[in-house]
Amino acid sequence: MDSTFINIDLSITNQQHCEASAREVYTAGITNKIMSASVDASDKLIFRIFGKNTEKFIDRDRELNAMEKLATRGLAAPVYARFSNGILCGFLPGTTVNVRQLKDLDIQRRICKTMAAFHSLNSTKIETNSMYLFRKTKDFIKNIDMSRAKDIPCFANQLSADLKEMRDLVIPLNEEITFCHNDLLVHNIILEESSGDSKHCKSKSYLMV
């Protein structure tokens, strides 16, 4: 993984006729390994290396389409390239929030404003038989290690029945399907502080996808 990252990084810096670059590995990712490369603070690239076997429960094609759609609305970093086990995208400046900051009303408002922007994105008509929530939940159930679930068989055996019951309740409601984040951990919330004239440049929040 590291050698692949270095090779890609060098090819980019060579194209820019740069002699050196700074690299950083981020540790907060669970399903991705995230690294950055830059030649200066204003020109940083992010490498997202997908975790092994994560494609079993994460639809990477759908994820990429979502990121590209969000980027066109200024809600995500631009995607520059895709390789066999990851993507190359831009860098969002700012800092991740912590639990204490989530108590701040101003930060709460910024997060809510960004979430509202997510929810306002036009959604395409989705056939109920392929609704993503239920389809992906089935994928999670299929990947349960039953040998490790032997101490709680009722949990594993009941999941499919519970999912069917939920689906039977939700489908008849015929509610509008909207764009959601679904992984709003503190490490996925980035605050970009304002600079310059505060009257014209306001702080922004990003929800990492």
N, C-alpha and C. Protein backbone atom coordinates (compact mmCIF):
# COMPACT_ATOMS: atom_id res chain seq x y z
N MET A 1 0.83 -1.21 0.00
CA MET A 1 0.00 0.00 0.00
C MET A 1 0.86 1.25 0.00
N ASP A 2 1.90 1.29 0.86
CA ASP A 2 2.72 2.47 0.97
C ASP A 2 3.50 2.74 -0.31
N SER A 3 4.02 1.67 -0.95
CA SER A 3 4.78 1.86 -2.17
C SER A 3 3.90 2.39 -3.29
N THR A 4 2.66 1.91 -3.35
CA THR A 4 1.72 2.41 -4.35
C THR A 4 1.48 3.89 -4.16
N PHE A 5 1.29 4.28 -2.91
CA PHE A 5 1.06 5.69 -2.58
C PHE A 5 2.24 6.54 -3.01
N ILE A 6 3.45 6.08 -2.73
CA ILE A 6 4.65 6.85 -3.06
C ILE A 6 4.80 6.99 -4.57
N ASN A 7 4.55 5.90 -5.32
CA ASN A 7 4.68 5.95 -6.77
C ASN A 7 3.70 6.94 -7.39
N ILE A 8 2.46 6.91 -6.93
CA ILE A 8 1.46 7.85 -7.45
C ILE A 8 1.85 9.27 -7.09
N ASP A 9 2.30 9.45 -5.86
CA ASP A 9 2.68 10.77 -5.38
C ASP A 9 3.82 11.34 -6.22
N LEU A 10 4.84 10.52 -6.51
CA LEU A 10 5.98 10.99 -7.27
C LEU A 10 5.60 11.35 -8.69
N SER A 11 4.70 10.57 -9.29
CA SER A 11 4.29 10.87 -10.66
C SER A 11 3.58 12.22 -10.73
N ILE A 12 2.84 12.55 -9.68
CA ILE A 12 2.14 13.84 -9.66
C ILE A 12 3.13 14.98 -9.46
N THR A 13 4.04 14.82 -8.51
CA THR A 13 4.99 15.90 -8.25
C THR A 13 5.93 16.11 -9.43
N ASN A 14 6.26 15.05 -10.15
CA ASN A 14 7.11 15.19 -11.32
C ASN A 14 6.41 16.00 -12.40
N GLN A 15 5.12 15.76 -12.57
CA GLN A 15 4.36 16.51 -13.57
C GLN A 15 4.33 17.99 -13.23
N GLN A 16 4.41 18.29 -11.97
CA GLN A 16 4.38 19.68 -11.54
C GLN A 16 5.79 20.27 -11.45
N HIS A 17 6.79 19.46 -11.85
CA HIS A 17 8.18 19.90 -11.83
C HIS A 17 8.61 20.33 -10.43
N CYS A 18 8.20 19.55 -9.45
CA CYS A 18 8.56 19.85 -8.06
C CYS A 18 9.61 18.85 -7.61
N GLU A 19 10.48 19.28 -6.72
CA GLU A 19 11.56 18.43 -6.27
C GLU A 19 11.20 17.65 -5.02
N ALA A 20 10.24 18.09 -4.26
CA ALA A 20 9.91 17.41 -3.00
C ALA A 20 8.44 17.61 -2.68
N SER A 21 7.94 16.74 -1.83
CA SER A 21 6.55 16.88 -1.40
C SER A 21 6.44 16.44 0.05
N ALA A 22 5.43 16.96 0.74
CA ALA A 22 5.17 16.57 2.13
C ALA A 22 4.07 15.53 2.14
N ARG A 23 4.21 14.51 3.00
CA ARG A 23 3.21 13.45 3.09
C ARG A 23 2.73 13.31 4.52
N GLU A 24 1.49 12.91 4.66
CA GLU A 24 0.90 12.72 5.99
C GLU A 24 -0.10 11.58 5.93
N VAL A 25 -0.09 10.74 6.97
CA VAL A 25 -1.04 9.63 7.08
C VAL A 25 -2.02 9.96 8.19
N TYR A 26 -3.31 9.85 7.89
CA TYR A 26 -4.35 10.13 8.88
C TYR A 26 -4.82 8.82 9.50
N THR A 27 -5.14 8.84 10.78
CA THR A 27 -5.40 7.60 11.52
C THR A 27 -6.86 7.38 11.88
N ALA A 28 -7.73 8.34 11.57
CA ALA A 28 -9.12 8.23 12.03
C ALA A 28 -9.99 7.32 11.17
N GLY A 29 -9.55 6.99 9.97
CA GLY A 29 -10.38 6.20 9.07
C GLY A 29 -10.60 4.77 9.55
N ILE A 30 -11.78 4.23 9.27
CA ILE A 30 -12.10 2.85 9.63
C ILE A 30 -12.18 1.98 8.38
N THR A 31 -12.92 2.43 7.38
CA THR A 31 -13.07 1.65 6.15
C THR A 31 -12.12 2.13 5.06
N ASN A 32 -11.40 3.23 5.30
CA ASN A 32 -10.43 3.74 4.34
C ASN A 32 -9.12 4.06 5.04
N LYS A 33 -8.03 3.96 4.30
CA LYS A 33 -6.74 4.49 4.75
C LYS A 33 -6.57 5.82 4.04
N ILE A 34 -6.38 6.89 4.78
CA ILE A 34 -6.34 8.22 4.18
C ILE A 34 -4.96 8.83 4.34
N MET A 35 -4.40 9.31 3.21
CA MET A 35 -3.09 9.93 3.20
C MET A 35 -3.14 11.19 2.36
N SER A 36 -2.20 12.09 2.59
CA SER A 36 -2.15 13.32 1.80
C SER A 36 -0.74 13.54 1.27
N ALA A 37 -0.67 14.29 0.19
CA ALA A 37 0.61 14.70 -0.39
C ALA A 37 0.48 16.15 -0.83
N SER A 38 1.52 16.93 -0.62
CA SER A 38 1.44 18.34 -1.00
C SER A 38 2.83 18.88 -1.27
N VAL A 39 2.88 19.92 -2.10
CA VAL A 39 4.13 20.63 -2.33
C VAL A 39 4.11 21.98 -1.60
N ASP A 40 2.92 22.42 -1.23
CA ASP A 40 2.77 23.58 -0.36
C ASP A 40 1.39 23.50 0.28
N ALA A 41 1.15 24.34 1.27
CA ALA A 41 -0.08 24.24 2.06
C ALA A 41 -1.34 24.48 1.23
N SER A 42 -1.22 25.18 0.12
CA SER A 42 -2.40 25.51 -0.67
C SER A 42 -2.69 24.50 -1.77
N ASP A 43 -1.86 23.46 -1.88
CA ASP A 43 -2.00 22.51 -2.99
C ASP A 43 -1.83 21.09 -2.46
N LYS A 44 -2.83 20.62 -1.71
CA LYS A 44 -2.75 19.31 -1.08
C LYS A 44 -3.73 18.35 -1.74
N LEU A 45 -3.30 17.10 -1.92
CA LEU A 45 -4.14 16.06 -2.50
C LEU A 45 -4.37 14.97 -1.47
N ILE A 46 -5.54 14.35 -1.52
CA ILE A 46 -5.90 13.30 -0.58
C ILE A 46 -6.03 11.97 -1.32
N PHE A 47 -5.36 10.95 -0.80
CA PHE A 47 -5.47 9.59 -1.31
C PHE A 47 -6.33 8.79 -0.33
N ARG A 48 -7.43 8.24 -0.82
CA ARG A 48 -8.28 7.38 0.00
C ARG A 48 -8.12 5.95 -0.50
N ILE A 49 -7.45 5.12 0.31
CA ILE A 49 -7.22 3.73 -0.05
C ILE A 49 -8.30 2.89 0.61
N PHE A 50 -9.08 2.17 -0.17
CA PHE A 50 -10.18 1.39 0.37
C PHE A 50 -9.68 0.21 1.19
N GLY A 51 -10.34 -0.05 2.32
CA GLY A 51 -9.99 -1.18 3.17
C GLY A 51 -10.29 -2.51 2.49
N LYS A 52 -9.54 -3.52 2.85
CA LYS A 52 -9.71 -4.85 2.27
C LYS A 52 -11.12 -5.39 2.55
N ASN A 53 -11.76 -5.87 1.51
CA ASN A 53 -13.10 -6.49 1.57
C ASN A 53 -14.22 -5.51 1.89
N THR A 54 -13.93 -4.21 1.97
CA THR A 54 -15.01 -3.26 2.27
C THR A 54 -16.02 -3.16 1.13
N GLU A 55 -15.61 -3.61 -0.07
CA GLU A 55 -16.55 -3.59 -1.19
C GLU A 55 -17.71 -4.55 -0.98
N LYS A 56 -17.59 -5.45 0.01
CA LYS A 56 -18.67 -6.39 0.30
C LYS A 56 -19.88 -5.69 0.91
N PHE A 57 -19.64 -4.55 1.56
CA PHE A 57 -20.78 -3.84 2.16
C PHE A 57 -20.82 -2.35 1.80
N ILE A 58 -19.86 -1.89 1.01
CA ILE A 58 -19.88 -0.51 0.52
C ILE A 58 -19.87 -0.53 -1.00
N ASP A 59 -20.87 0.07 -1.60
CA ASP A 59 -20.95 0.17 -3.06
C ASP A 59 -20.05 1.33 -3.48
N ARG A 60 -18.82 1.03 -3.92
CA ARG A 60 -17.85 2.07 -4.22
C ARG A 60 -18.24 2.90 -5.44
N ASP A 61 -18.90 2.29 -6.42
CA ASP A 61 -19.36 3.06 -7.58
C ASP A 61 -20.40 4.09 -7.16
N ARG A 62 -21.31 3.65 -6.32
CA ARG A 62 -22.36 4.57 -5.84
C ARG A 62 -21.74 5.67 -4.97
N GLU A 63 -20.76 5.30 -4.15
CA GLU A 63 -20.09 6.27 -3.30
C GLU A 63 -19.40 7.34 -4.15
N LEU A 64 -18.72 6.91 -5.22
CA LEU A 64 -18.03 7.85 -6.10
C LEU A 64 -19.01 8.79 -6.78
N ASN A 65 -20.13 8.25 -7.25
CA ASN A 65 -21.15 9.09 -7.88
C ASN A 65 -21.68 10.14 -6.90
N ALA A 66 -21.86 9.72 -5.64
CA ALA A 66 -22.35 10.65 -4.62
C ALA A 66 -21.33 11.76 -4.37
N MET A 67 -20.05 11.40 -4.29
CA MET A 67 -19.01 12.40 -4.05
C MET A 67 -18.95 13.41 -5.19
N GLU A 68 -19.06 12.92 -6.43
CA GLU A 68 -19.02 13.82 -7.58
C GLU A 68 -20.21 14.77 -7.58
N LYS A 69 -21.37 14.26 -7.21
CA LYS A 69 -22.57 15.09 -7.15
C LYS A 69 -22.43 16.15 -6.07
N LEU A 70 -21.91 15.76 -4.91
CA LEU A 70 -21.73 16.72 -3.82
C LEU A 70 -20.69 17.77 -4.18
N ALA A 71 -19.63 17.36 -4.89
CA ALA A 71 -18.58 18.30 -5.26
C ALA A 71 -19.10 19.41 -6.16
N THR A 72 -20.04 19.09 -7.04
CA THR A 72 -20.60 20.11 -7.94
C THR A 72 -21.39 21.15 -7.17
N ARG A 73 -21.82 20.82 -5.96
CA ARG A 73 -22.58 21.76 -5.11
C ARG A 73 -21.70 22.40 -4.03
N GLY A 74 -20.40 22.14 -4.08
CA GLY A 74 -19.51 22.69 -3.08
C GLY A 74 -19.62 22.02 -1.73
N LEU A 75 -20.16 20.79 -1.70
CA LEU A 75 -20.35 20.07 -0.44
C LEU A 75 -19.32 18.97 -0.22
N ALA A 76 -18.40 18.81 -1.14
CA ALA A 76 -17.36 17.79 -1.01
C ALA A 76 -16.17 18.21 -1.85
N ALA A 77 -15.04 17.60 -1.57
CA ALA A 77 -13.83 17.88 -2.35
C ALA A 77 -13.97 17.28 -3.74
N PRO A 78 -13.36 17.90 -4.76
CA PRO A 78 -13.43 17.35 -6.11
C PRO A 78 -12.68 16.03 -6.21
N VAL A 79 -13.19 15.12 -7.02
CA VAL A 79 -12.52 13.84 -7.27
C VAL A 79 -11.72 13.97 -8.55
N TYR A 80 -10.40 13.69 -8.47
CA TYR A 80 -9.52 13.87 -9.63
C TYR A 80 -9.23 12.56 -10.37
N ALA A 81 -9.19 11.45 -9.65
CA ALA A 81 -8.83 10.19 -10.29
C ALA A 81 -9.32 9.02 -9.45
N ARG A 82 -9.44 7.89 -10.13
CA ARG A 82 -9.81 6.65 -9.44
C ARG A 82 -8.84 5.56 -9.85
N PHE A 83 -8.40 4.77 -8.88
CA PHE A 83 -7.55 3.62 -9.20
C PHE A 83 -8.19 2.37 -8.62
N SER A 84 -7.55 1.23 -8.77
CA SER A 84 -8.21 -0.05 -8.49
C SER A 84 -8.72 -0.17 -7.06
N ASN A 85 -8.03 0.41 -6.10
CA ASN A 85 -8.45 0.28 -4.70
C ASN A 85 -8.54 1.62 -3.98
N GLY A 86 -8.92 2.66 -4.70
CA GLY A 86 -9.04 3.94 -4.04
C GLY A 86 -9.30 5.09 -5.00
N ILE A 87 -9.28 6.29 -4.45
CA ILE A 87 -9.50 7.49 -5.26
C ILE A 87 -8.53 8.59 -4.83
N LEU A 88 -8.36 9.55 -5.72
CA LEU A 88 -7.55 10.73 -5.46
C LEU A 88 -8.48 11.94 -5.51
N CYS A 89 -8.50 12.72 -4.45
CA CYS A 89 -9.41 13.86 -4.41
C CYS A 89 -8.74 15.08 -3.80
N GLY A 90 -9.44 16.19 -3.83
CA GLY A 90 -8.92 17.42 -3.26
C GLY A 90 -8.96 17.41 -1.74
N PHE A 91 -8.42 18.46 -1.17
CA PHE A 91 -8.32 18.59 0.29
C PHE A 91 -9.27 19.68 0.77
N LEU A 92 -10.03 19.37 1.81
CA LEU A 92 -10.92 20.36 2.43
C LEU A 92 -10.21 20.97 3.63
N PRO A 93 -9.93 22.27 3.61
CA PRO A 93 -9.23 22.90 4.73
C PRO A 93 -10.12 23.00 5.96
N GLY A 94 -9.51 22.89 7.11
CA GLY A 94 -10.27 23.02 8.35
C GLY A 94 -9.83 21.99 9.37
N THR A 95 -10.59 21.88 10.44
CA THR A 95 -10.29 20.93 11.51
C THR A 95 -11.54 20.12 11.84
N THR A 96 -11.32 18.88 12.26
CA THR A 96 -12.46 18.06 12.67
C THR A 96 -12.95 18.52 14.04
N VAL A 97 -14.24 18.39 14.27
CA VAL A 97 -14.81 18.83 15.54
C VAL A 97 -14.58 17.78 16.61
N ASN A 98 -14.75 18.19 17.86
CA ASN A 98 -14.72 17.24 18.97
C ASN A 98 -16.07 17.29 19.69
N VAL A 99 -16.24 16.41 20.64
CA VAL A 99 -17.52 16.31 21.34
C VAL A 99 -17.88 17.61 22.04
N ARG A 100 -16.89 18.27 22.64
CA ARG A 100 -17.15 19.53 23.34
C ARG A 100 -17.68 20.59 22.37
N GLN A 101 -17.11 20.66 21.18
CA GLN A 101 -17.54 21.66 20.20
C GLN A 101 -18.98 21.43 19.74
N LEU A 102 -19.42 20.18 19.76
CA LEU A 102 -20.78 19.88 19.32
C LEU A 102 -21.83 20.51 20.22
N LYS A 103 -21.42 20.95 21.42
CA LYS A 103 -22.35 21.62 22.33
C LYS A 103 -22.52 23.10 21.98
N ASP A 104 -21.64 23.60 21.11
CA ASP A 104 -21.68 25.01 20.73
C ASP A 104 -22.84 25.25 19.76
N LEU A 105 -23.73 26.17 20.10
CA LEU A 105 -24.92 26.41 19.29
C LEU A 105 -24.58 26.89 17.88
N ASP A 106 -23.54 27.71 17.76
CA ASP A 106 -23.16 28.21 16.44
C ASP A 106 -22.68 27.06 15.55
N ILE A 107 -21.90 26.16 16.12
CA ILE A 107 -21.42 25.01 15.36
C ILE A 107 -22.59 24.09 15.00
N GLN A 108 -23.51 23.93 15.93
CA GLN A 108 -24.70 23.12 15.64
C GLN A 108 -25.47 23.69 14.45
N ARG A 109 -25.60 25.01 14.41
CA ARG A 109 -26.33 25.65 13.31
C ARG A 109 -25.61 25.41 11.98
N ARG A 110 -24.29 25.50 12.01
CA ARG A 110 -23.53 25.29 10.77
C ARG A 110 -23.68 23.86 10.26
N ILE A 111 -23.64 22.92 11.20
CA ILE A 111 -23.81 21.51 10.81
C ILE A 111 -25.20 21.29 10.24
N CYS A 112 -26.20 21.85 10.91
CA CYS A 112 -27.58 21.69 10.43
C CYS A 112 -27.77 22.32 9.06
N LYS A 113 -27.12 23.45 8.83
CA LYS A 113 -27.23 24.11 7.53
C LYS A 113 -26.63 23.23 6.43
N THR A 114 -25.50 22.59 6.74
CA THR A 114 -24.88 21.71 5.75
C THR A 114 -25.72 20.47 5.52
N MET A 115 -26.29 19.92 6.60
CA MET A 115 -27.17 18.76 6.45
C MET A 115 -28.39 19.10 5.61
N ALA A 116 -28.92 20.31 5.80
CA ALA A 116 -30.07 20.74 5.00
C ALA A 116 -29.71 20.82 3.53
N ALA A 117 -28.47 21.24 3.25
CA ALA A 117 -28.02 21.29 1.85
C ALA A 117 -27.96 19.89 1.26
N PHE A 118 -27.51 18.91 2.06
CA PHE A 118 -27.52 17.51 1.62
C PHE A 118 -28.94 17.09 1.28
N HIS A 119 -29.86 17.35 2.20
CA HIS A 119 -31.23 16.87 2.06
C HIS A 119 -31.99 17.57 0.93
N SER A 120 -31.51 18.73 0.51
CA SER A 120 -32.20 19.47 -0.54
C SER A 120 -31.77 19.05 -1.94
N LEU A 121 -30.74 18.20 -2.03
CA LEU A 121 -30.31 17.74 -3.34
C LEU A 121 -31.42 16.93 -3.99
N ASN A 122 -31.61 17.14 -5.27
CA ASN A 122 -32.64 16.41 -5.99
C ASN A 122 -32.34 14.93 -5.98
N SER A 123 -33.31 14.13 -5.60
CA SER A 123 -33.14 12.68 -5.59
C SER A 123 -33.82 12.09 -6.82
N THR A 124 -33.23 11.03 -7.33
CA THR A 124 -33.82 10.36 -8.48
C THR A 124 -34.84 9.36 -8.00
N LYS A 125 -35.79 9.05 -8.86
CA LYS A 125 -36.82 8.07 -8.52
C LYS A 125 -36.19 6.70 -8.36
N ILE A 126 -36.42 6.06 -7.24
CA ILE A 126 -35.82 4.76 -6.95
C ILE A 126 -36.92 3.73 -6.83
N GLU A 127 -36.75 2.62 -7.52
CA GLU A 127 -37.72 1.54 -7.42
C GLU A 127 -37.67 0.94 -6.02
N THR A 128 -38.83 0.65 -5.45
CA THR A 128 -38.88 0.16 -4.08
C THR A 128 -38.17 -1.18 -3.92
N ASN A 129 -38.14 -1.98 -4.97
CA ASN A 129 -37.49 -3.29 -4.88
C ASN A 129 -35.98 -3.18 -4.72
N SER A 130 -35.42 -2.02 -5.06
CA SER A 130 -33.97 -1.87 -4.97
C SER A 130 -33.58 -0.74 -4.01
N MET A 131 -34.46 -0.41 -3.09
CA MET A 131 -34.15 0.66 -2.14
C MET A 131 -32.84 0.37 -1.43
N TYR A 132 -31.96 1.36 -1.45
CA TYR A 132 -30.59 1.16 -1.01
C TYR A 132 -30.49 0.75 0.46
N LEU A 133 -31.30 1.36 1.30
CA LEU A 133 -31.25 1.06 2.74
C LEU A 133 -31.42 -0.43 2.99
N PHE A 134 -32.45 -1.01 2.40
CA PHE A 134 -32.74 -2.42 2.66
C PHE A 134 -31.74 -3.33 1.95
N ARG A 135 -31.34 -2.94 0.75
CA ARG A 135 -30.39 -3.77 0.01
C ARG A 135 -29.05 -3.84 0.73
N LYS A 136 -28.56 -2.70 1.22
CA LYS A 136 -27.27 -2.70 1.90
C LYS A 136 -27.35 -3.34 3.27
N THR A 137 -28.49 -3.21 3.95
CA THR A 137 -28.64 -3.89 5.23
C THR A 137 -28.57 -5.40 5.04
N LYS A 138 -29.15 -5.89 3.95
CA LYS A 138 -29.04 -7.32 3.63
C LYS A 138 -27.59 -7.71 3.42
N ASP A 139 -26.81 -6.84 2.78
CA ASP A 139 -25.39 -7.12 2.57
C ASP A 139 -24.66 -7.25 3.91
N PHE A 140 -24.99 -6.37 4.86
CA PHE A 140 -24.38 -6.45 6.18
C PHE A 140 -24.73 -7.78 6.85
N ILE A 141 -25.99 -8.18 6.76
CA ILE A 141 -26.43 -9.43 7.38
C ILE A 141 -25.71 -10.62 6.77
N LYS A 142 -25.54 -10.60 5.45
CA LYS A 142 -24.86 -11.71 4.77
C LYS A 142 -23.41 -11.85 5.21
N ASN A 143 -22.81 -10.75 5.65
CA ASN A 143 -21.40 -10.77 6.03
C ASN A 143 -21.19 -11.01 7.52
N ILE A 144 -22.24 -11.32 8.26
CA ILE A 144 -22.09 -11.65 9.67
C ILE A 144 -21.37 -12.99 9.80
N ASP A 145 -20.37 -13.01 10.64
CA ASP A 145 -19.65 -14.26 10.93
C ASP A 145 -20.49 -15.06 11.93
N MET A 146 -21.24 -16.02 11.41
CA MET A 146 -22.16 -16.78 12.27
C MET A 146 -21.43 -17.58 13.34
N SER A 147 -20.19 -17.95 13.08
CA SER A 147 -19.44 -18.69 14.10
C SER A 147 -19.18 -17.83 15.33
N ARG A 148 -19.08 -16.53 15.13
CA ARG A 148 -18.86 -15.63 16.26
C ARG A 148 -20.18 -15.19 16.88
N ALA A 149 -21.28 -15.42 16.15
CA ALA A 149 -22.60 -15.02 16.66
C ALA A 149 -23.32 -16.17 17.34
N LYS A 150 -22.62 -17.28 17.58
CA LYS A 150 -23.27 -18.46 18.14
C LYS A 150 -23.81 -18.22 19.55
N ASP A 151 -23.20 -17.28 20.27
CA ASP A 151 -23.65 -17.00 21.63
C ASP A 151 -24.93 -16.16 21.65
N ILE A 152 -25.25 -15.55 20.52
CA ILE A 152 -26.47 -14.74 20.43
C ILE A 152 -27.24 -15.12 19.16
N PRO A 153 -27.63 -16.38 19.03
CA PRO A 153 -28.30 -16.83 17.79
C PRO A 153 -29.60 -16.09 17.51
N CYS A 154 -30.30 -15.69 18.56
CA CYS A 154 -31.57 -14.98 18.34
C CYS A 154 -31.33 -13.66 17.62
N PHE A 155 -30.18 -13.03 17.90
CA PHE A 155 -29.85 -11.76 17.23
C PHE A 155 -29.65 -11.98 15.74
N ALA A 156 -28.82 -12.94 15.39
CA ALA A 156 -28.52 -13.20 13.98
C ALA A 156 -29.74 -13.71 13.23
N ASN A 157 -30.50 -14.59 13.85
CA ASN A 157 -31.65 -15.19 13.18
C ASN A 157 -32.81 -14.21 13.02
N GLN A 158 -32.89 -13.25 13.91
CA GLN A 158 -34.02 -12.33 13.91
C GLN A 158 -33.81 -11.12 12.99
N LEU A 159 -32.56 -10.87 12.61
CA LEU A 159 -32.26 -9.67 11.84
C LEU A 159 -33.04 -9.60 10.53
N SER A 160 -33.04 -10.69 9.78
CA SER A 160 -33.73 -10.69 8.49
C SER A 160 -35.23 -10.46 8.66
N ALA A 161 -35.80 -11.07 9.70
CA ALA A 161 -37.23 -10.88 9.96
C ALA A 161 -37.53 -9.44 10.35
N ASP A 162 -36.66 -8.85 11.16
CA ASP A 162 -36.85 -7.46 11.56
C ASP A 162 -36.74 -6.53 10.35
N LEU A 163 -35.79 -6.83 9.46
CA LEU A 163 -35.61 -6.01 8.27
C LEU A 163 -36.85 -6.07 7.38
N LYS A 164 -37.40 -7.26 7.22
CA LYS A 164 -38.60 -7.42 6.40
C LYS A 164 -39.78 -6.65 7.01
N GLU A 165 -39.90 -6.72 8.33
CA GLU A 165 -40.98 -6.00 9.00
C GLU A 165 -40.84 -4.49 8.79
N MET A 166 -39.61 -4.00 8.91
CA MET A 166 -39.36 -2.58 8.72
C MET A 166 -39.69 -2.16 7.28
N ARG A 167 -39.27 -2.98 6.33
CA ARG A 167 -39.53 -2.68 4.93
C ARG A 167 -41.04 -2.64 4.64
N ASP A 168 -41.76 -3.59 5.21
CA ASP A 168 -43.21 -3.64 5.00
C ASP A 168 -43.92 -2.43 5.59
N LEU A 169 -43.32 -1.82 6.62
CA LEU A 169 -43.91 -0.63 7.22
C LEU A 169 -43.55 0.64 6.44
N VAL A 170 -42.32 0.68 5.92
CA VAL A 170 -41.83 1.90 5.28
C VAL A 170 -42.33 2.07 3.85
N ILE A 171 -42.31 0.99 3.07
CA ILE A 171 -42.65 1.09 1.65
C ILE A 171 -44.03 1.70 1.41
N PRO A 172 -45.08 1.26 2.13
CA PRO A 172 -46.42 1.83 1.87
C PRO A 172 -46.53 3.32 2.14
N LEU A 173 -45.60 3.88 2.93
CA LEU A 173 -45.66 5.31 3.23
C LEU A 173 -45.39 6.16 1.99
N ASN A 174 -44.63 5.58 1.05
CA ASN A 174 -44.34 6.26 -0.22
C ASN A 174 -43.75 7.66 0.01
N GLU A 175 -42.86 7.76 0.98
CA GLU A 175 -42.23 9.04 1.29
C GLU A 175 -41.15 9.38 0.26
N GLU A 176 -40.86 10.66 0.15
CA GLU A 176 -39.80 11.10 -0.77
C GLU A 176 -38.45 10.60 -0.27
N ILE A 177 -37.65 10.11 -1.18
CA ILE A 177 -36.31 9.64 -0.84
C ILE A 177 -35.34 10.78 -1.08
N THR A 178 -34.56 11.11 -0.07
CA THR A 178 -33.66 12.25 -0.18
C THR A 178 -32.22 11.81 0.04
N PHE A 179 -31.30 12.73 -0.17
CA PHE A 179 -29.88 12.47 -0.06
C PHE A 179 -29.46 12.63 1.40
N CYS A 180 -28.86 11.60 1.99
CA CYS A 180 -28.46 11.63 3.40
C CYS A 180 -26.99 11.27 3.55
N HIS A 181 -26.44 11.58 4.72
CA HIS A 181 -25.03 11.28 4.98
C HIS A 181 -24.85 9.88 5.56
N ASN A 182 -25.56 9.58 6.64
CA ASN A 182 -25.59 8.25 7.25
C ASN A 182 -24.33 7.82 7.99
N ASP A 183 -23.34 8.70 8.15
CA ASP A 183 -22.14 8.33 8.90
C ASP A 183 -21.59 9.58 9.59
N LEU A 184 -22.43 10.24 10.36
CA LEU A 184 -22.09 11.55 10.91
C LEU A 184 -21.33 11.43 12.23
N LEU A 185 -20.13 10.86 12.17
CA LEU A 185 -19.24 10.81 13.32
C LEU A 185 -18.51 12.15 13.43
N VAL A 186 -17.95 12.42 14.61
CA VAL A 186 -17.27 13.70 14.80
C VAL A 186 -16.10 13.86 13.83
N HIS A 187 -15.41 12.76 13.51
CA HIS A 187 -14.27 12.85 12.60
C HIS A 187 -14.71 13.13 11.17
N ASN A 188 -15.99 13.03 10.89
CA ASN A 188 -16.49 13.31 9.55
C ASN A 188 -17.07 14.72 9.42
N ILE A 189 -16.91 15.52 10.46
CA ILE A 189 -17.40 16.90 10.43
C ILE A 189 -16.20 17.84 10.48
N ILE A 190 -16.02 18.63 9.44
CA ILE A 190 -14.89 19.54 9.33
C ILE A 190 -15.38 20.97 9.37
N LEU A 191 -14.73 21.78 10.19
CA LEU A 191 -15.06 23.21 10.26
C LEU A 191 -13.97 24.01 9.57
N GLU A 192 -14.38 24.85 8.64
CA GLU A 192 -13.45 25.76 7.97
C GLU A 192 -13.68 27.14 8.55
N GLU A 193 -12.70 27.64 9.28
CA GLU A 193 -12.87 28.94 9.94
C GLU A 193 -12.78 30.07 8.92
N SER A 194 -13.47 31.16 9.22
CA SER A 194 -13.49 32.31 8.32
C SER A 194 -12.17 33.05 8.39
N SER A 195 -11.89 33.77 7.31
CA SER A 195 -10.69 34.60 7.27
C SER A 195 -11.03 35.89 6.54
N GLY A 196 -10.27 36.93 6.78
CA GLY A 196 -10.53 38.20 6.11
C GLY A 196 -11.70 38.93 6.74
N ASP A 197 -12.45 39.62 5.91
CA ASP A 197 -13.59 40.41 6.37
C ASP A 197 -14.72 39.48 6.79
N SER A 198 -15.00 39.44 8.09
CA SER A 198 -16.00 38.51 8.61
C SER A 198 -17.40 38.83 8.09
N LYS A 199 -17.61 40.05 7.58
CA LYS A 199 -18.93 40.39 7.06
C LYS A 199 -19.22 39.67 5.75
N HIS A 200 -18.14 39.32 5.03
CA HIS A 200 -18.32 38.72 3.72
C HIS A 200 -17.80 37.29 3.65
N CYS A 201 -17.10 36.85 4.66
CA CYS A 201 -16.52 35.51 4.64
C CYS A 201 -16.92 34.77 5.90
N LYS A 202 -17.87 33.89 5.80
CA LYS A 202 -18.39 33.19 6.97
C LYS A 202 -17.78 31.80 7.10
N SER A 203 -17.78 31.29 8.32
CA SER A 203 -17.30 29.94 8.56
C SER A 203 -18.20 28.94 7.86
N LYS A 204 -17.61 27.83 7.44
CA LYS A 204 -18.36 26.78 6.77
C LYS A 204 -18.13 25.45 7.47
N SER A 205 -19.04 24.55 7.30
CA SER A 205 -18.84 23.19 7.80
C SER A 205 -18.99 22.22 6.65
N TYR A 206 -18.15 21.19 6.66
CA TYR A 206 -18.22 20.14 5.67
C TYR A 206 -18.53 18.83 6.36
N LEU A 207 -19.29 17.97 5.70
CA LEU A 207 -19.53 16.63 6.18
C LEU A 207 -18.79 15.69 5.25
N MET A 208 -17.76 15.05 5.75
CA MET A 208 -16.96 14.18 4.90
C MET A 208 -17.77 12.97 4.46
N VAL A 209 -17.56 12.55 3.21
CA VAL A 209 -18.25 11.37 2.69
C VAL A 209 -17.24 10.31 2.29
